[in-house]
Amino acid sequence: MRWTMLLILFLVRLAMGFQFQSVASISAQLIDTFGLSYAEIGTLIGLFLLPGIFIAIPSGALTRAFPDKNLLMLGAVTMAVGAYLMGSATDATELYAGRLVTGVGGTIFNVILTKMVTEWFIEKEIVLALAIMLTAWPIGIALGLLIHDPVASAYGWHSVMYVTAVAALAALLLTAL
């Protein structure tokens, strides 16, 4: 059962990397639409990780009061809501706000996923389990590089954000099951 759960956590973390990559993959469309500079695109990318400074410790503390599964689902919902906000943004401020919201969900994901893996696996197994779980982030980024641009070219930049929201909702469903 632990290894099956690790596969699910792998897919959940993959969704996070997929969402992280979205801004970089469609940066040209965001520059055209919102008139952003490359520095602002860099800021937008970094906003995904910024909440970790403030949310990591409190989200770890929440594991004492709430089940890990519930916190993972909260992270997924937060990521989906943030992606939806980004997709429906009409100005750069809304885009930034949505990115911060996705970052809150991503931070919760990171903390809870790592905690779960370290609780389920011991001794030599923990190294392999953590390696598998951590590998999902760059694989999600790579999938984003392959998928985001064709989706944006065919359906517009908004659709990329909605696709990342669907990935977060798929992570939510996997976690719930």
Protein backbone atom coordinates (compact mmCIF):
# COMPACT_ATOMS: atom_id res chain seq x y z
CA MET A 1 0.00 0.00 0.00
CA ARG A 2 2.86 2.42 0.77
CA TRP A 3 4.28 2.05 -2.73
CA THR A 4 0.87 2.65 -4.30
CA MET A 5 0.50 5.76 -2.18
CA LEU A 6 3.98 6.86 -3.26
CA LEU A 7 2.85 6.60 -6.88
CA ILE A 8 -0.15 8.79 -6.08
CA LEU A 9 2.09 11.30 -4.29
CA PHE A 10 4.40 11.24 -7.31
CA LEU A 11 1.49 12.20 -9.57
CA VAL A 12 0.35 14.88 -7.14
CA ARG A 13 3.81 16.45 -7.07
CA LEU A 14 4.04 16.13 -10.85
CA ALA A 15 0.95 18.36 -11.09
CA MET A 16 2.75 20.94 -8.99
CA GLY A 17 5.79 21.04 -11.30
CA PHE A 18 3.46 21.19 -14.30
CA GLN A 19 1.75 24.24 -12.81
CA PHE A 20 5.02 25.90 -11.82
CA GLN A 21 6.23 25.77 -15.44
CA SER A 22 3.11 27.41 -16.88
CA VAL A 23 4.28 31.04 -16.67
CA ALA A 24 7.68 30.41 -18.24
CA SER A 25 6.15 28.34 -21.03
CA ILE A 26 3.73 31.07 -22.09
CA SER A 27 5.80 34.10 -21.17
CA ALA A 28 5.69 35.53 -24.71
CA GLN A 29 1.88 35.51 -24.68
CA LEU A 30 1.82 37.11 -21.21
CA ILE A 31 4.21 39.83 -22.37
CA ASP A 32 2.00 40.54 -25.40
CA THR A 33 -1.26 40.49 -23.43
CA PHE A 34 -0.25 42.38 -20.29
CA GLY A 35 2.77 44.37 -21.49
CA LEU A 36 4.98 42.72 -18.89
CA SER A 37 8.75 43.03 -18.92
CA TYR A 38 11.04 40.04 -18.57
CA ALA A 39 11.76 41.13 -15.01
CA GLU A 40 8.03 41.04 -14.28
CA ILE A 41 7.81 37.57 -15.83
CA GLY A 42 10.66 36.51 -13.53
CA THR A 43 8.78 37.99 -10.59
CA LEU A 44 5.66 36.12 -11.63
CA ILE A 45 7.63 32.87 -11.79
CA GLY A 46 9.16 33.52 -8.37
CA LEU A 47 5.79 34.30 -6.80
CA PHE A 48 5.02 30.57 -6.90
CA LEU A 49 7.83 29.92 -4.41
CA LEU A 50 7.50 33.07 -2.29
CA PRO A 51 4.67 31.79 -0.03
CA GLY A 52 6.99 29.01 1.14
CA ILE A 53 8.79 31.54 3.32
CA PHE A 54 5.62 32.21 5.26
CA ILE A 55 3.51 29.06 4.83
CA ALA A 56 5.95 26.14 5.22
CA ILE A 57 6.23 26.13 9.01
CA PRO A 58 2.54 26.82 9.70
CA SER A 59 1.47 24.12 7.21
CA GLY A 60 3.75 21.64 8.97
CA ALA A 61 2.21 22.63 12.29
CA LEU A 62 -1.27 22.08 10.87
CA THR A 63 -0.47 18.37 10.53
CA ARG A 64 -0.94 18.08 14.28
CA ALA A 65 -4.54 19.29 14.02
CA PHE A 66 -5.65 17.94 10.62
CA PRO A 67 -5.11 14.70 8.69
CA ASP A 68 -2.41 14.81 6.02
CA LYS A 69 -4.92 13.82 3.35
CA ASN A 70 -7.12 16.82 4.14
CA LEU A 71 -4.16 19.18 3.96
CA LEU A 72 -3.09 17.72 0.61
CA MET A 73 -6.62 18.28 -0.68
CA LEU A 74 -6.52 21.86 0.62
CA GLY A 75 -3.27 22.37 -1.28
CA ALA A 76 -4.85 20.98 -4.46
CA VAL A 77 -7.92 23.17 -4.15
CA THR A 78 -5.74 26.22 -3.53
CA MET A 79 -3.63 25.44 -6.59
CA ALA A 80 -6.75 24.98 -8.74
CA VAL A 81 -8.30 28.23 -7.51
CA GLY A 82 -5.08 30.14 -8.12
CA ALA A 83 -4.78 28.73 -11.63
CA TYR A 84 -8.39 29.67 -12.35
CA LEU A 85 -7.72 33.21 -11.09
CA MET A 86 -4.71 33.44 -13.38
CA GLY A 87 -6.66 32.14 -16.36
CA SER A 88 -9.41 34.69 -15.83
CA ALA A 89 -7.04 37.59 -15.11
CA THR A 90 -7.71 40.83 -16.95
CA ASP A 91 -4.67 42.69 -15.62
CA ALA A 92 -1.24 41.94 -14.22
CA THR A 93 -2.33 42.44 -10.60
CA GLU A 94 -4.88 39.64 -10.91
CA LEU A 95 -2.23 37.47 -12.56
CA TYR A 96 0.15 38.10 -9.64
CA ALA A 97 -2.56 37.38 -7.07
CA GLY A 98 -3.47 34.09 -8.73
CA ARG A 99 0.18 33.07 -8.85
CA LEU A 100 0.56 33.74 -5.12
CA VAL A 101 -2.49 31.58 -4.42
CA THR A 102 -1.05 28.71 -6.48
CA GLY A 103 2.17 29.10 -4.52
CA VAL A 104 0.34 28.70 -1.23
CA GLY A 105 -1.10 25.41 -2.47
CA GLY A 106 2.28 24.31 -3.80
CA THR A 107 3.91 25.01 -0.45
CA ILE A 108 1.31 23.00 1.41
CA PHE A 109 1.86 20.17 -1.09
CA ASN A 110 5.63 20.20 -0.64
CA VAL A 111 5.54 20.11 3.14
CA ILE A 112 2.84 17.47 3.47
CA LEU A 113 4.19 15.20 0.71
CA THR A 114 7.63 15.12 2.26
CA LYS A 115 6.20 14.47 5.71
CA MET A 116 4.09 11.59 4.45
CA VAL A 117 6.96 9.91 2.64
CA THR A 118 9.29 10.20 5.63
CA GLU A 119 6.64 8.67 7.89
CA TRP A 120 5.84 5.75 5.60
CA PHE A 121 9.35 4.62 4.67
CA ILE A 122 12.27 3.72 6.91
CA GLU A 123 15.95 2.92 6.65
CA LYS A 124 17.10 2.18 3.09
CA GLU A 125 13.62 2.48 1.62
CA ILE A 126 13.37 6.15 2.52
CA VAL A 127 16.17 7.12 0.14
CA LEU A 128 14.46 5.47 -2.82
CA ALA A 129 11.03 6.76 -1.82
CA LEU A 130 12.22 10.36 -1.46
CA ALA A 131 14.13 10.11 -4.74
CA ILE A 132 10.98 8.95 -6.52
CA MET A 133 8.85 11.66 -4.94
CA LEU A 134 11.36 14.45 -5.60
CA THR A 135 11.82 13.41 -9.23
CA ALA A 136 8.19 14.24 -9.96
CA TRP A 137 8.84 18.02 -9.80
CA PRO A 138 11.26 18.19 -12.76
CA ILE A 139 9.19 15.66 -14.71
CA GLY A 140 6.15 17.92 -14.22
CA ILE A 141 8.21 20.86 -15.46
CA ALA A 142 9.30 18.85 -18.50
CA LEU A 143 5.68 17.92 -19.26
CA GLY A 144 4.80 21.58 -19.00
CA LEU A 145 7.49 22.41 -21.54
CA LEU A 146 5.97 19.88 -23.93
CA ILE A 147 2.29 20.69 -23.38
CA HIS A 148 1.83 24.35 -22.45
CA ASP A 149 3.00 26.03 -25.65
CA PRO A 150 0.92 23.87 -28.02
CA VAL A 151 -2.15 24.39 -25.80
CA ALA A 152 -1.55 28.16 -25.71
CA SER A 153 -0.99 28.28 -29.48
CA ALA A 154 -4.21 26.40 -30.16
CA TYR A 155 -6.52 27.82 -27.50
CA GLY A 156 -4.89 30.91 -25.98
CA TRP A 157 -2.78 31.51 -22.90
CA HIS A 158 -5.84 31.33 -20.62
CA SER A 159 -6.31 27.68 -21.47
CA VAL A 160 -2.87 26.80 -20.12
CA MET A 161 -3.87 28.09 -16.71
CA TYR A 162 -7.12 26.15 -16.87
CA VAL A 163 -5.23 22.98 -17.84
CA THR A 164 -3.00 23.41 -14.79
CA ALA A 165 -6.15 23.86 -12.68
CA VAL A 166 -7.46 20.58 -14.05
CA ALA A 167 -4.14 18.91 -13.17
CA ALA A 168 -4.49 20.20 -9.61
CA LEU A 169 -8.07 18.91 -9.47
CA ALA A 170 -6.86 15.52 -10.74
CA ALA A 171 -4.35 15.55 -7.87
CA LEU A 172 -7.25 16.35 -5.56
CA LEU A 173 -9.22 13.36 -6.83
CA LEU A 174 -6.24 11.03 -6.57
CA THR A 175 -5.65 12.19 -3.00
CA ALA A 176 -9.31 11.78 -2.09
CA LEU A 177 -9.39 8.25 -3.48
